[in-house]
N, C-alpha and C. Protein backbone atom coordinates (compact mmCIF):
# COMPACT_ATOMS: atom_id res chain seq x y z
N MET A 1 -90.15 -95.03 -10.06
CA MET A 1 -89.25 -94.69 -8.98
C MET A 1 -89.82 -95.26 -7.67
N SER A 2 -88.93 -95.75 -6.86
CA SER A 2 -89.37 -96.24 -5.56
C SER A 2 -88.36 -95.82 -4.50
N LYS A 3 -88.86 -95.70 -3.29
CA LYS A 3 -88.02 -95.33 -2.16
C LYS A 3 -87.52 -96.62 -1.50
N VAL A 4 -86.22 -96.68 -1.28
CA VAL A 4 -85.61 -97.83 -0.64
C VAL A 4 -85.10 -97.38 0.72
N LYS A 5 -85.53 -98.07 1.77
CA LYS A 5 -85.04 -97.79 3.12
C LYS A 5 -83.95 -98.79 3.45
N ILE A 6 -82.87 -98.27 4.04
CA ILE A 6 -81.73 -99.11 4.39
C ILE A 6 -81.71 -99.24 5.91
N TYR A 7 -81.76 -100.48 6.37
CA TYR A 7 -81.78 -100.77 7.81
C TYR A 7 -80.56 -101.58 8.21
N TYR A 8 -80.06 -101.29 9.40
CA TYR A 8 -79.11 -102.18 10.06
C TYR A 8 -79.86 -102.73 11.25
N GLU A 9 -80.12 -104.02 11.24
CA GLU A 9 -81.02 -104.66 12.20
C GLU A 9 -82.33 -103.88 12.16
N ASP A 10 -82.72 -103.17 13.22
CA ASP A 10 -83.96 -102.39 13.21
C ASP A 10 -83.70 -100.89 13.16
N ILE A 11 -82.46 -100.49 12.88
CA ILE A 11 -82.09 -99.08 12.85
C ILE A 11 -82.13 -98.56 11.42
N LEU A 12 -82.94 -97.53 11.19
CA LEU A 12 -83.00 -96.91 9.86
C LEU A 12 -81.71 -96.14 9.63
N VAL A 13 -80.97 -96.54 8.62
CA VAL A 13 -79.68 -95.92 8.31
C VAL A 13 -79.86 -94.80 7.30
N GLY A 14 -80.77 -94.99 6.34
CA GLY A 14 -80.99 -93.97 5.33
C GLY A 14 -82.03 -94.41 4.31
N GLU A 15 -82.31 -93.51 3.38
CA GLU A 15 -83.27 -93.77 2.32
C GLU A 15 -82.71 -93.26 1.01
N VAL A 16 -83.08 -93.93 -0.07
CA VAL A 16 -82.65 -93.52 -1.40
C VAL A 16 -83.81 -93.77 -2.36
N VAL A 17 -83.96 -92.90 -3.33
CA VAL A 17 -84.98 -93.07 -4.37
C VAL A 17 -84.27 -93.60 -5.61
N THR A 18 -84.80 -94.67 -6.18
CA THR A 18 -84.16 -95.30 -7.33
C THR A 18 -85.20 -95.91 -8.26
N ASN A 19 -84.74 -96.16 -9.48
CA ASN A 19 -85.60 -96.85 -10.45
C ASN A 19 -85.03 -98.21 -10.80
N GLN A 20 -84.14 -98.72 -9.95
CA GLN A 20 -83.52 -100.02 -10.20
C GLN A 20 -83.31 -100.77 -8.89
N SER A 21 -83.04 -102.05 -9.00
CA SER A 21 -82.70 -102.85 -7.83
C SER A 21 -81.29 -102.50 -7.40
N LEU A 22 -81.06 -102.50 -6.10
CA LEU A 22 -79.76 -102.15 -5.55
C LEU A 22 -79.24 -103.26 -4.65
N THR A 23 -77.93 -103.35 -4.56
CA THR A 23 -77.32 -104.19 -3.54
C THR A 23 -77.18 -103.32 -2.30
N VAL A 24 -76.94 -103.94 -1.17
CA VAL A 24 -76.71 -103.18 0.06
C VAL A 24 -75.52 -102.24 -0.14
N ASP A 25 -74.45 -102.75 -0.72
CA ASP A 25 -73.26 -101.92 -0.94
C ASP A 25 -73.57 -100.70 -1.80
N GLN A 26 -74.34 -100.88 -2.86
CA GLN A 26 -74.71 -99.75 -3.72
C GLN A 26 -75.55 -98.73 -2.97
N ALA A 27 -76.50 -99.21 -2.19
CA ALA A 27 -77.37 -98.30 -1.43
C ALA A 27 -76.56 -97.52 -0.40
N LEU A 28 -75.65 -98.19 0.30
CA LEU A 28 -74.83 -97.51 1.30
C LEU A 28 -73.93 -96.47 0.65
N GLU A 29 -73.42 -96.78 -0.53
CA GLU A 29 -72.59 -95.82 -1.25
C GLU A 29 -73.40 -94.59 -1.66
N LEU A 30 -74.62 -94.80 -2.11
CA LEU A 30 -75.47 -93.69 -2.53
C LEU A 30 -75.80 -92.73 -1.39
N ILE A 31 -75.90 -93.25 -0.17
CA ILE A 31 -76.21 -92.36 0.96
C ILE A 31 -74.95 -91.84 1.64
N GLY A 32 -73.78 -92.25 1.16
CA GLY A 32 -72.54 -91.78 1.76
C GLY A 32 -72.32 -92.35 3.16
N PHE A 33 -72.65 -93.62 3.33
CA PHE A 33 -72.54 -94.27 4.63
C PHE A 33 -71.12 -94.21 5.17
N ASP A 34 -70.99 -93.75 6.41
CA ASP A 34 -69.70 -93.67 7.11
C ASP A 34 -69.71 -94.71 8.23
N GLU A 35 -69.06 -95.83 7.98
CA GLU A 35 -69.09 -96.95 8.92
C GLU A 35 -68.57 -96.55 10.30
N GLU A 36 -67.45 -95.87 10.37
CA GLU A 36 -66.87 -95.50 11.66
C GLU A 36 -67.79 -94.57 12.44
N LYS A 37 -68.39 -93.62 11.76
CA LYS A 37 -69.32 -92.70 12.41
C LYS A 37 -70.54 -93.45 12.95
N PHE A 38 -71.09 -94.36 12.14
CA PHE A 38 -72.25 -95.14 12.55
C PHE A 38 -71.93 -95.99 13.78
N ILE A 39 -70.78 -96.66 13.75
CA ILE A 39 -70.36 -97.49 14.89
C ILE A 39 -70.25 -96.63 16.15
N SER A 40 -69.63 -95.48 16.02
CA SER A 40 -69.45 -94.58 17.16
C SER A 40 -70.78 -94.07 17.69
N GLU A 41 -71.66 -93.63 16.80
CA GLU A 41 -72.96 -93.09 17.21
C GLU A 41 -73.83 -94.14 17.89
N GLN A 42 -73.74 -95.38 17.43
CA GLN A 42 -74.59 -96.44 17.98
C GLN A 42 -73.96 -97.14 19.18
N GLY A 43 -72.68 -96.87 19.44
CA GLY A 43 -72.00 -97.51 20.57
C GLY A 43 -71.67 -98.97 20.31
N PHE A 44 -71.52 -99.33 19.04
CA PHE A 44 -71.18 -100.70 18.67
C PHE A 44 -69.67 -100.88 18.65
N ASP A 45 -69.21 -102.13 18.82
CA ASP A 45 -67.80 -102.45 18.66
C ASP A 45 -67.47 -102.64 17.18
N GLY A 46 -68.45 -103.04 16.42
CA GLY A 46 -68.29 -103.29 14.99
C GLY A 46 -69.65 -103.60 14.40
N ILE A 47 -69.68 -103.79 13.09
CA ILE A 47 -70.94 -104.14 12.44
C ILE A 47 -70.75 -105.36 11.55
N ASP A 48 -71.84 -106.04 11.29
CA ASP A 48 -71.86 -107.20 10.39
C ASP A 48 -72.70 -106.81 9.18
N TYR A 49 -72.08 -106.75 8.02
CA TYR A 49 -72.80 -106.32 6.82
C TYR A 49 -73.95 -107.26 6.46
N ASN A 50 -73.97 -108.45 7.00
CA ASN A 50 -75.09 -109.36 6.78
C ASN A 50 -76.34 -108.91 7.51
N ASP A 51 -76.21 -107.97 8.46
CA ASP A 51 -77.36 -107.48 9.21
C ASP A 51 -78.03 -106.28 8.55
N PHE A 52 -77.50 -105.83 7.41
CA PHE A 52 -78.16 -104.77 6.66
C PHE A 52 -79.27 -105.39 5.81
N LYS A 53 -80.35 -104.62 5.62
CA LYS A 53 -81.42 -105.07 4.74
C LYS A 53 -82.03 -103.87 4.04
N LEU A 54 -82.57 -104.12 2.88
CA LEU A 54 -83.23 -103.09 2.10
C LEU A 54 -84.73 -103.35 2.09
N GLN A 55 -85.49 -102.30 2.28
CA GLN A 55 -86.95 -102.42 2.23
C GLN A 55 -87.45 -101.53 1.10
N TYR A 56 -88.07 -102.16 0.10
CA TYR A 56 -88.60 -101.42 -1.05
C TYR A 56 -90.04 -101.02 -0.81
């Protein structure tokens, strides 16, 4: 098992423990990512999914 941290640019979005490799979409689904809430909380106009990264 390993802990995977999900970042948007340098912002920690969440963490998940898994025993497999994940895509960004899978990781975001596992943490229940709410795009609209995140955009509102961060004061962004929108987000680019290419700016997400996973750190194992």
